[in-house]
Amino acid sequence: MRSVDHRAAPPRPPALTEREQQRESARLDRLKARVQLEQRSLLRGLILLAVLILIVSLARAGFGRLFVPRWWTQW
């Protein structure tokens, strides 16, 4: 004989009403906008950091060594 599992199915949340669906959609839209803003801010910060590192490294090397007199004629 096979044993039969007599456990009840797990409870399910009730179906969302139309208003709740609209609220959830609006919440997801706001969350998506916040994520995009955060990603944009992170990208701007990384670009700013890279430019700052470039400027500091150029200054440490010395502008006189990098841009010798008449450097544009060597192209």
PDB file of N, CA and C in Angstrom:
ATOM      1  N   MET A   1       0.832  -1.173   0.000  1.00  0.00           N
ATOM      2  CA  MET A   1       0.000   0.000   0.000  1.00  0.00           C
ATOM      3  C   MET A   1       0.880   1.241   0.000  1.00  0.00           C
ATOM      4  N   ARG A   2       0.429   2.233  -0.731  1.00  0.00           N
ATOM      5  CA  ARG A   2       1.147   3.507  -0.768  1.00  0.00           C
ATOM      6  C   ARG A   2       0.620   4.416   0.325  1.00  0.00           C
ATOM      7  N   SER A   3       1.572   5.128   0.931  1.00  0.00           N
ATOM      8  CA  SER A   3       1.126   6.075   1.948  1.00  0.00           C
ATOM      9  C   SER A   3       0.698   7.365   1.261  1.00  0.00           C
ATOM     10  N   VAL A   4      -0.328   7.939   1.739  1.00  0.00           N
ATOM     11  CA  VAL A   4      -0.868   9.173   1.172  1.00  0.00           C
ATOM     12  C   VAL A   4      -0.505  10.317   2.105  1.00  0.00           C
ATOM     13  N   ASP A   5       0.030  11.401   1.505  1.00  0.00           N
ATOM     14  CA  ASP A   5       0.390  12.563   2.295  1.00  0.00           C
ATOM     15  C   ASP A   5      -0.867  13.380   2.537  1.00  0.00           C
ATOM     16  N   HIS A   6      -1.223  13.547   3.792  1.00  0.00           N
ATOM     17  CA  HIS A   6      -2.455  14.253   4.126  1.00  0.00           C
ATOM     18  C   HIS A   6      -2.210  15.676   4.589  1.00  0.00           C
ATOM     19  N   ARG A   7      -1.089  16.234   4.198  1.00  0.00           N
ATOM     20  CA  ARG A   7      -0.808  17.589   4.630  1.00  0.00           C
ATOM     21  C   ARG A   7      -1.597  18.581   3.778  1.00  0.00           C
ATOM     22  N   ALA A   8      -1.971  19.653   4.404  1.00  0.00           N
ATOM     23  CA  ALA A   8      -2.699  20.705   3.687  1.00  0.00           C
ATOM     24  C   ALA A   8      -1.703  21.517   2.863  1.00  0.00           C
ATOM     25  N   ALA A   9      -2.204  22.118   1.804  1.00  0.00           N
ATOM     26  CA  ALA A   9      -1.367  22.977   0.962  1.00  0.00           C
ATOM     27  C   ALA A   9      -0.985  24.218   1.771  1.00  0.00           C
ATOM     28  N   PRO A  10       0.188  24.784   1.495  1.00  0.00           N
ATOM     29  CA  PRO A  10       0.579  25.994   2.233  1.00  0.00           C
ATOM     30  C   PRO A  10      -0.396  27.133   1.932  1.00  0.00           C
ATOM     31  N   PRO A  11      -0.589  28.012   2.895  1.00  0.00           N
ATOM     32  CA  PRO A  11      -1.540  29.113   2.670  1.00  0.00           C
ATOM     33  C   PRO A  11      -1.039  30.055   1.593  1.00  0.00           C
ATOM     34  N   ARG A  12      -1.953  30.569   0.831  1.00  0.00           N
ATOM     35  CA  ARG A  12      -1.628  31.519  -0.238  1.00  0.00           C
ATOM     36  C   ARG A  12      -2.149  32.893   0.147  1.00  0.00           C
ATOM     37  N   PRO A  13      -1.407  33.922  -0.227  1.00  0.00           N
ATOM     38  CA  PRO A  13      -1.918  35.271   0.065  1.00  0.00           C
ATOM     39  C   PRO A  13      -3.128  35.562  -0.821  1.00  0.00           C
ATOM     40  N   PRO A  14      -4.024  36.389  -0.334  1.00  0.00           N
ATOM     41  CA  PRO A  14      -5.200  36.717  -1.159  1.00  0.00           C
ATOM     42  C   PRO A  14      -4.792  37.493  -2.409  1.00  0.00           C
ATOM     43  N   ALA A  15      -5.601  37.399  -3.419  1.00  0.00           N
ATOM     44  CA  ALA A  15      -5.321  38.111  -4.675  1.00  0.00           C
ATOM     45  C   ALA A  15      -5.375  39.617  -4.428  1.00  0.00           C
ATOM     46  N   LEU A  16      -4.505  40.334  -5.106  1.00  0.00           N
ATOM     47  CA  LEU A  16      -4.454  41.782  -4.946  1.00  0.00           C
ATOM     48  C   LEU A  16      -5.635  42.435  -5.656  1.00  0.00           C
ATOM     49  N   THR A  17      -6.144  43.481  -5.045  1.00  0.00           N
ATOM     50  CA  THR A  17      -7.194  44.244  -5.697  1.00  0.00           C
ATOM     51  C   THR A  17      -6.554  45.146  -6.750  1.00  0.00           C
ATOM     52  N   GLU A  18      -7.379  45.775  -7.546  1.00  0.00           N
ATOM     53  CA  GLU A  18      -6.850  46.649  -8.598  1.00  0.00           C
ATOM     54  C   GLU A  18      -6.081  47.825  -8.005  1.00  0.00           C
ATOM     55  N   ARG A  19      -6.583  48.376  -6.926  1.00  0.00           N
ATOM     56  CA  ARG A  19      -5.905  49.504  -6.283  1.00  0.00           C
ATOM     57  C   ARG A  19      -4.555  49.070  -5.702  1.00  0.00           C
ATOM     58  N   GLU A  20      -4.524  47.884  -5.092  1.00  0.00           N
ATOM     59  CA  GLU A  20      -3.270  47.369  -4.552  1.00  0.00           C
ATOM     60  C   GLU A  20      -2.271  47.088  -5.669  1.00  0.00           C
ATOM     61  N   GLN A  21      -2.755  46.617  -6.801  1.00  0.00           N
ATOM     62  CA  GLN A  21      -1.879  46.379  -7.947  1.00  0.00           C
ATOM     63  C   GLN A  21      -1.281  47.690  -8.440  1.00  0.00           C
ATOM     64  N   GLN A  22      -2.098  48.753  -8.466  1.00  0.00           N
ATOM     65  CA  GLN A  22      -1.611  50.057  -8.893  1.00  0.00           C
ATOM     66  C   GLN A  22      -0.562  50.581  -7.918  1.00  0.00           C
ATOM     67  N   ARG A  23      -0.814  50.416  -6.619  1.00  0.00           N
ATOM     68  CA  ARG A  23       0.156  50.846  -5.608  1.00  0.00           C
ATOM     69  C   ARG A  23       1.467  50.078  -5.744  1.00  0.00           C
ATOM     70  N   GLU A  24       1.358  48.782  -5.947  1.00  0.00           N
ATOM     71  CA  GLU A  24       2.565  47.959  -6.098  1.00  0.00           C
ATOM     72  C   GLU A  24       3.334  48.367  -7.351  1.00  0.00           C
ATOM     73  N   SER A  25       2.624  48.640  -8.426  1.00  0.00           N
ATOM     74  CA  SER A  25       3.266  49.082  -9.659  1.00  0.00           C
ATOM     75  C   SER A  25       3.958  50.427  -9.454  1.00  0.00           C
ATOM     76  N   ALA A  26       3.303  51.338  -8.755  1.00  0.00           N
ATOM     77  CA  ALA A  26       3.899  52.650  -8.473  1.00  0.00           C
ATOM     78  C   ALA A  26       5.127  52.491  -7.577  1.00  0.00           C
ATOM     79  N   ARG A  27       5.057  51.591  -6.591  1.00  0.00           N
ATOM     80  CA  ARG A  27       6.197  51.347  -5.709  1.00  0.00           C
ATOM     81  C   ARG A  27       7.378  50.791  -6.492  1.00  0.00           C
ATOM     82  N   LEU A  28       7.110  49.865  -7.398  1.00  0.00           N
ATOM     83  CA  LEU A  28       8.189  49.292  -8.205  1.00  0.00           C
ATOM     84  C   LEU A  28       8.791  50.338  -9.138  1.00  0.00           C
ATOM     85  N   ASP A  29       7.950  51.236  -9.666  1.00  0.00           N
ATOM     86  CA  ASP A  29       8.463  52.320 -10.516  1.00  0.00           C
ATOM     87  C   ASP A  29       9.379  53.253  -9.727  1.00  0.00           C
ATOM     88  N   ARG A  30       8.961  53.602  -8.496  1.00  0.00           N
ATOM     89  CA  ARG A  30       9.801  54.459  -7.648  1.00  0.00           C
ATOM     90  C   ARG A  30      11.111  53.768  -7.306  1.00  0.00           C
ATOM     91  N   LEU A  31      11.050  52.491  -7.017  1.00  0.00           N
ATOM     92  CA  LEU A  31      12.257  51.735  -6.701  1.00  0.00           C
ATOM     93  C   LEU A  31      13.193  51.693  -7.902  1.00  0.00           C
ATOM     94  N   LYS A  32      12.641  51.498  -9.086  1.00  0.00           N
ATOM     95  CA  LYS A  32      13.454  51.471 -10.300  1.00  0.00           C
ATOM     96  C   LYS A  32      14.117  52.824 -10.531  1.00  0.00           C
ATOM     97  N   ALA A  33      13.391  53.909 -10.307  1.00  0.00           N
ATOM     98  CA  ALA A  33      13.950  55.252 -10.472  1.00  0.00           C
ATOM     99  C   ALA A  33      15.073  55.499  -9.460  1.00  0.00           C
ATOM    100  N   ARG A  34      14.894  55.043  -8.217  1.00  0.00           N
ATOM    101  CA  ARG A  34      15.942  55.222  -7.197  1.00  0.00           C
ATOM    102  C   ARG A  34      17.193  54.440  -7.550  1.00  0.00           C
ATOM    103  N   VAL A  35      17.015  53.229  -8.075  1.00  0.00           N
ATOM    104  CA  VAL A  35      18.166  52.406  -8.459  1.00  0.00           C
ATOM    105  C   VAL A  35      18.916  53.074  -9.604  1.00  0.00           C
ATOM    106  N   GLN A  36      18.192  53.598 -10.583  1.00  0.00           N
ATOM    107  CA  GLN A  36      18.835  54.287 -11.708  1.00  0.00           C
ATOM    108  C   GLN A  36      19.597  55.514 -11.224  1.00  0.00           C
ATOM    109  N   LEU A  37      19.011  56.277 -10.308  1.00  0.00           N
ATOM    110  CA  LEU A  37      19.676  57.462  -9.762  1.00  0.00           C
ATOM    111  C   LEU A  37      20.940  57.066  -9.011  1.00  0.00           C
ATOM    112  N   GLU A  38      20.856  56.000  -8.233  1.00  0.00           N
ATOM    113  CA  GLU A  38      22.023  55.547  -7.488  1.00  0.00           C
ATOM    114  C   GLU A  38      23.133  55.073  -8.425  1.00  0.00           C
ATOM    115  N   GLN A  39      22.764  54.358  -9.490  1.00  0.00           N
ATOM    116  CA  GLN A  39      23.764  53.898 -10.451  1.00  0.00           C
ATOM    117  C   GLN A  39      24.425  55.079 -11.156  1.00  0.00           C
ATOM    118  N   ARG A  40      23.628  56.086 -11.519  1.00  0.00           N
ATOM    119  CA  ARG A  40      24.169  57.273 -12.168  1.00  0.00           C
ATOM    120  C   ARG A  40      25.124  58.012 -11.240  1.00  0.00           C
ATOM    121  N   SER A  41      24.746  58.137  -9.979  1.00  0.00           N
ATOM    122  CA  SER A  41      25.606  58.813  -9.006  1.00  0.00           C
ATOM    123  C   SER A  41      26.898  58.035  -8.795  1.00  0.00           C
ATOM    124  N   LEU A  42      26.798  56.727  -8.744  1.00  0.00           N
ATOM    125  CA  LEU A  42      27.991  55.900  -8.578  1.00  0.00           C
ATOM    126  C   LEU A  42      28.931  56.047  -9.767  1.00  0.00           C
ATOM    127  N   LEU A  43      28.384  56.072 -10.963  1.00  0.00           N
ATOM    128  CA  LEU A  43      29.206  56.237 -12.162  1.00  0.00           C
ATOM    129  C   LEU A  43      29.889  57.605 -12.170  1.00  0.00           C
ATOM    130  N   ARG A  44      29.154  58.647 -11.825  1.00  0.00           N
ATOM    131  CA  ARG A  44      29.750  59.988 -11.758  1.00  0.00           C
ATOM    132  C   ARG A  44      30.873  60.041 -10.732  1.00  0.00           C
ATOM    133  N   GLY A  45      30.666  59.417  -9.597  1.00  0.00           N
ATOM    134  CA  GLY A  45      31.691  59.394  -8.562  1.00  0.00           C
ATOM    135  C   GLY A  45      32.943  58.660  -9.016  1.00  0.00           C
ATOM    136  N   LEU A  46      32.774  57.538  -9.700  1.00  0.00           N
ATOM    137  CA  LEU A  46      33.928  56.786 -10.185  1.00  0.00           C
ATOM    138  C   LEU A  46      34.695  57.563 -11.246  1.00  0.00           C
ATOM    139  N   ILE A  47      33.983  58.255 -12.128  1.00  0.00           N
ATOM    140  CA  ILE A  47      34.649  59.067 -13.155  1.00  0.00           C
ATOM    141  C   ILE A  47      35.401  60.223 -12.490  1.00  0.00           C
ATOM    142  N   LEU A  48      34.773  60.858 -11.511  1.00  0.00           N
ATOM    143  CA  LEU A  48      35.435  61.947 -10.783  1.00  0.00           C
ATOM    144  C   LEU A  48      36.693  61.444 -10.071  1.00  0.00           C
ATOM    145  N   LEU A  49      36.605  60.289  -9.456  1.00  0.00           N
ATOM    146  CA  LEU A  49      37.761  59.712  -8.784  1.00  0.00           C
ATOM    147  C   LEU A  49      38.888  59.408  -9.775  1.00  0.00           C
ATOM    148  N   ALA A  50      38.550  58.875 -10.948  1.00  0.00           N
ATOM    149  CA  ALA A  50      39.562  58.573 -11.961  1.00  0.00           C
ATOM    150  C   ALA A  50      40.240  59.852 -12.450  1.00  0.00           C
ATOM    151  N   VAL A  51      39.466  60.901 -12.671  1.00  0.00           N
ATOM    152  CA  VAL A  51      40.039  62.179 -13.114  1.00  0.00           C
ATOM    153  C   VAL A  51      40.943  62.754 -12.026  1.00  0.00           C
ATOM    154  N   LEU A  52      40.509  62.661 -10.784  1.00  0.00           N
ATOM    155  CA  LEU A  52      41.319  63.163  -9.670  1.00  0.00           C
ATOM    156  C   LEU A  52      42.639  62.399  -9.569  1.00  0.00           C
ATOM    157  N   ILE A  53      42.593  61.097  -9.693  1.00  0.00           N
ATOM    158  CA  ILE A  53      43.818  60.291  -9.650  1.00  0.00           C
ATOM    159  C   ILE A  53      44.734  60.662 -10.813  1.00  0.00           C
ATOM    160  N   LEU A  54      44.184  60.881 -11.991  1.00  0.00           N
ATOM    161  CA  LEU A  54      44.985  61.277 -13.149  1.00  0.00           C
ATOM    162  C   LEU A  54      45.673  62.616 -12.911  1.00  0.00           C
ATOM    163  N   ILE A  55      44.943  63.583 -12.391  1.00  0.00           N
ATOM    164  CA  ILE A  55      45.515  64.911 -12.150  1.00  0.00           C
ATOM    165  C   ILE A  55      46.616  64.841 -11.095  1.00  0.00           C
ATOM    166  N   VAL A  56      46.377  64.098 -10.019  1.00  0.00           N
ATOM    167  CA  VAL A  56      47.385  63.979  -8.963  1.00  0.00           C
ATOM    168  C   VAL A  56      48.626  63.286  -9.490  1.00  0.00           C
ATOM    169  N   SER A  57      48.457  62.226 -10.280  1.00  0.00           N
ATOM    170  CA  SER A  57      49.632  61.523 -10.805  1.00  0.00           C
ATOM    171  C   SER A  57      50.393  62.391 -11.805  1.00  0.00           C
ATOM    172  N   LEU A  58      49.704  63.197 -12.603  1.00  0.00           N
ATOM    173  CA  LEU A  58      50.382  64.121 -13.514  1.00  0.00           C
ATOM    174  C   LEU A  58      51.139  65.193 -12.733  1.00  0.00           C
ATOM    175  N   ALA A  59      50.538  65.680 -11.663  1.00  0.00           N
ATOM    176  CA  ALA A  59      51.197  66.709 -10.857  1.00  0.00           C
ATOM    177  C   ALA A  59      52.431  66.145 -10.154  1.00  0.00           C
ATOM    178  N   ARG A  60      52.340  64.906  -9.696  1.00  0.00           N
ATOM    179  CA  ARG A  60      53.509  64.297  -9.029  1.00  0.00           C
ATOM    180  C   ARG A  60      54.643  64.058 -10.013  1.00  0.00           C
ATOM    181  N   ALA A  61      54.318  63.718 -11.246  1.00  0.00           N
ATOM    182  CA  ALA A  61      55.360  63.483 -12.250  1.00  0.00           C
ATOM    183  C   ALA A  61      56.014  64.789 -12.656  1.00  0.00           C
ATOM    184  N   GLY A  62      55.294  65.865 -12.535  1.00  0.00           N
ATOM    185  CA  GLY A  62      55.824  67.175 -12.904  1.00  0.00           C
ATOM    186  C   GLY A  62      55.406  67.531 -14.313  1.00  0.00           C
ATOM    187  N   PHE A  63      54.758  68.649 -14.419  1.00  0.00           N
ATOM    188  CA  PHE A  63      54.268  69.071 -15.739  1.00  0.00           C
ATOM    189  C   PHE A  63      55.418  69.405 -16.683  1.00  0.00           C
ATOM    190  N   GLY A  64      56.566  69.818 -16.134  1.00  0.00           N
ATOM    191  CA  GLY A  64      57.727  70.128 -16.965  1.00  0.00           C
ATOM    192  C   GLY A  64      58.276  68.890 -17.660  1.00  0.00           C
ATOM    193  N   ARG A  65      58.181  67.757 -17.005  1.00  0.00           N
ATOM    194  CA  ARG A  65      58.669  66.510 -17.617  1.00  0.00           C
ATOM    195  C   ARG A  65      57.679  65.970 -18.633  1.00  0.00           C
ATOM    196  N   LEU A  66      56.408  66.231 -18.412  1.00  0.00           N
ATOM    197  CA  LEU A  66      55.391  65.704 -19.325  1.00  0.00           C
ATOM    198  C   LEU A  66      55.237  66.565 -20.562  1.00  0.00           C
ATOM    199  N   PHE A  67      55.234  67.876 -20.362  1.00  0.00           N
ATOM    200  CA  PHE A  67      55.044  68.798 -21.476  1.00  0.00           C
ATOM    201  C   PHE A  67      56.327  69.623 -21.648  1.00  0.00           C
ATOM    202  N   VAL A  68      57.256  69.040 -22.355  1.00  0.00           N
ATOM    203  CA  VAL A  68      58.522  69.728 -22.610  1.00  0.00           C
ATOM    204  C   VAL A  68      58.272  70.881 -23.573  1.00  0.00           C
ATOM    205  N   PRO A  69      59.177  71.862 -23.626  1.00  0.00           N
ATOM    206  CA  PRO A  69      58.988  72.967 -24.564  1.00  0.00           C
ATOM    207  C   PRO A  69      58.856  72.444 -25.998  1.00  0.00           C
ATOM    208  N   ARG A  70      57.918  73.017 -26.719  1.00  0.00           N
ATOM    209  CA  ARG A  70      57.630  72.659 -28.123  1.00  0.00           C
ATOM    210  C   ARG A  70      57.193  71.175 -28.269  1.00  0.00           C
ATOM    211  N   TRP A  71      56.422  70.683 -27.307  1.00  0.00           N
ATOM    212  CA  TRP A  71      55.974  69.306 -27.353  1.00  0.00           C
ATOM    213  C   TRP A  71      55.024  69.030 -28.511  1.00  0.00           C
ATOM    214  N   TRP A  72      54.333  70.067 -28.968  1.00  0.00           N
ATOM    215  CA  TRP A  72      53.367  69.878 -30.053  1.00  0.00           C
ATOM    216  C   TRP A  72      54.051  69.625 -31.396  1.00  0.00           C
ATOM    217  N   THR A  73      55.343  69.941 -31.506  1.00  0.00           N
ATOM    218  CA  THR A  73      56.037  69.713 -32.790  1.00  0.00           C
ATOM    219  C   THR A  73      56.502  68.264 -32.925  1.00  0.00           C
ATOM    220  N   GLN A  74      56.415  67.487 -31.888  1.00  0.00           N
ATOM    221  CA  GLN A  74      56.912  66.110 -31.940  1.00  0.00           C
ATOM    222  C   GLN A  74      55.856  65.138 -32.452  1.00  0.00           C
ATOM    223  N   TRP A  75      54.719  65.598 -32.825  1.00  0.00           N
ATOM    224  CA  TRP A  75      53.681  64.714 -33.373  1.00  0.00           C
ATOM    225  C   TRP A  75      54.017  64.497 -34.790  1.00  0.00           C
TER     226      TRP A  75
END
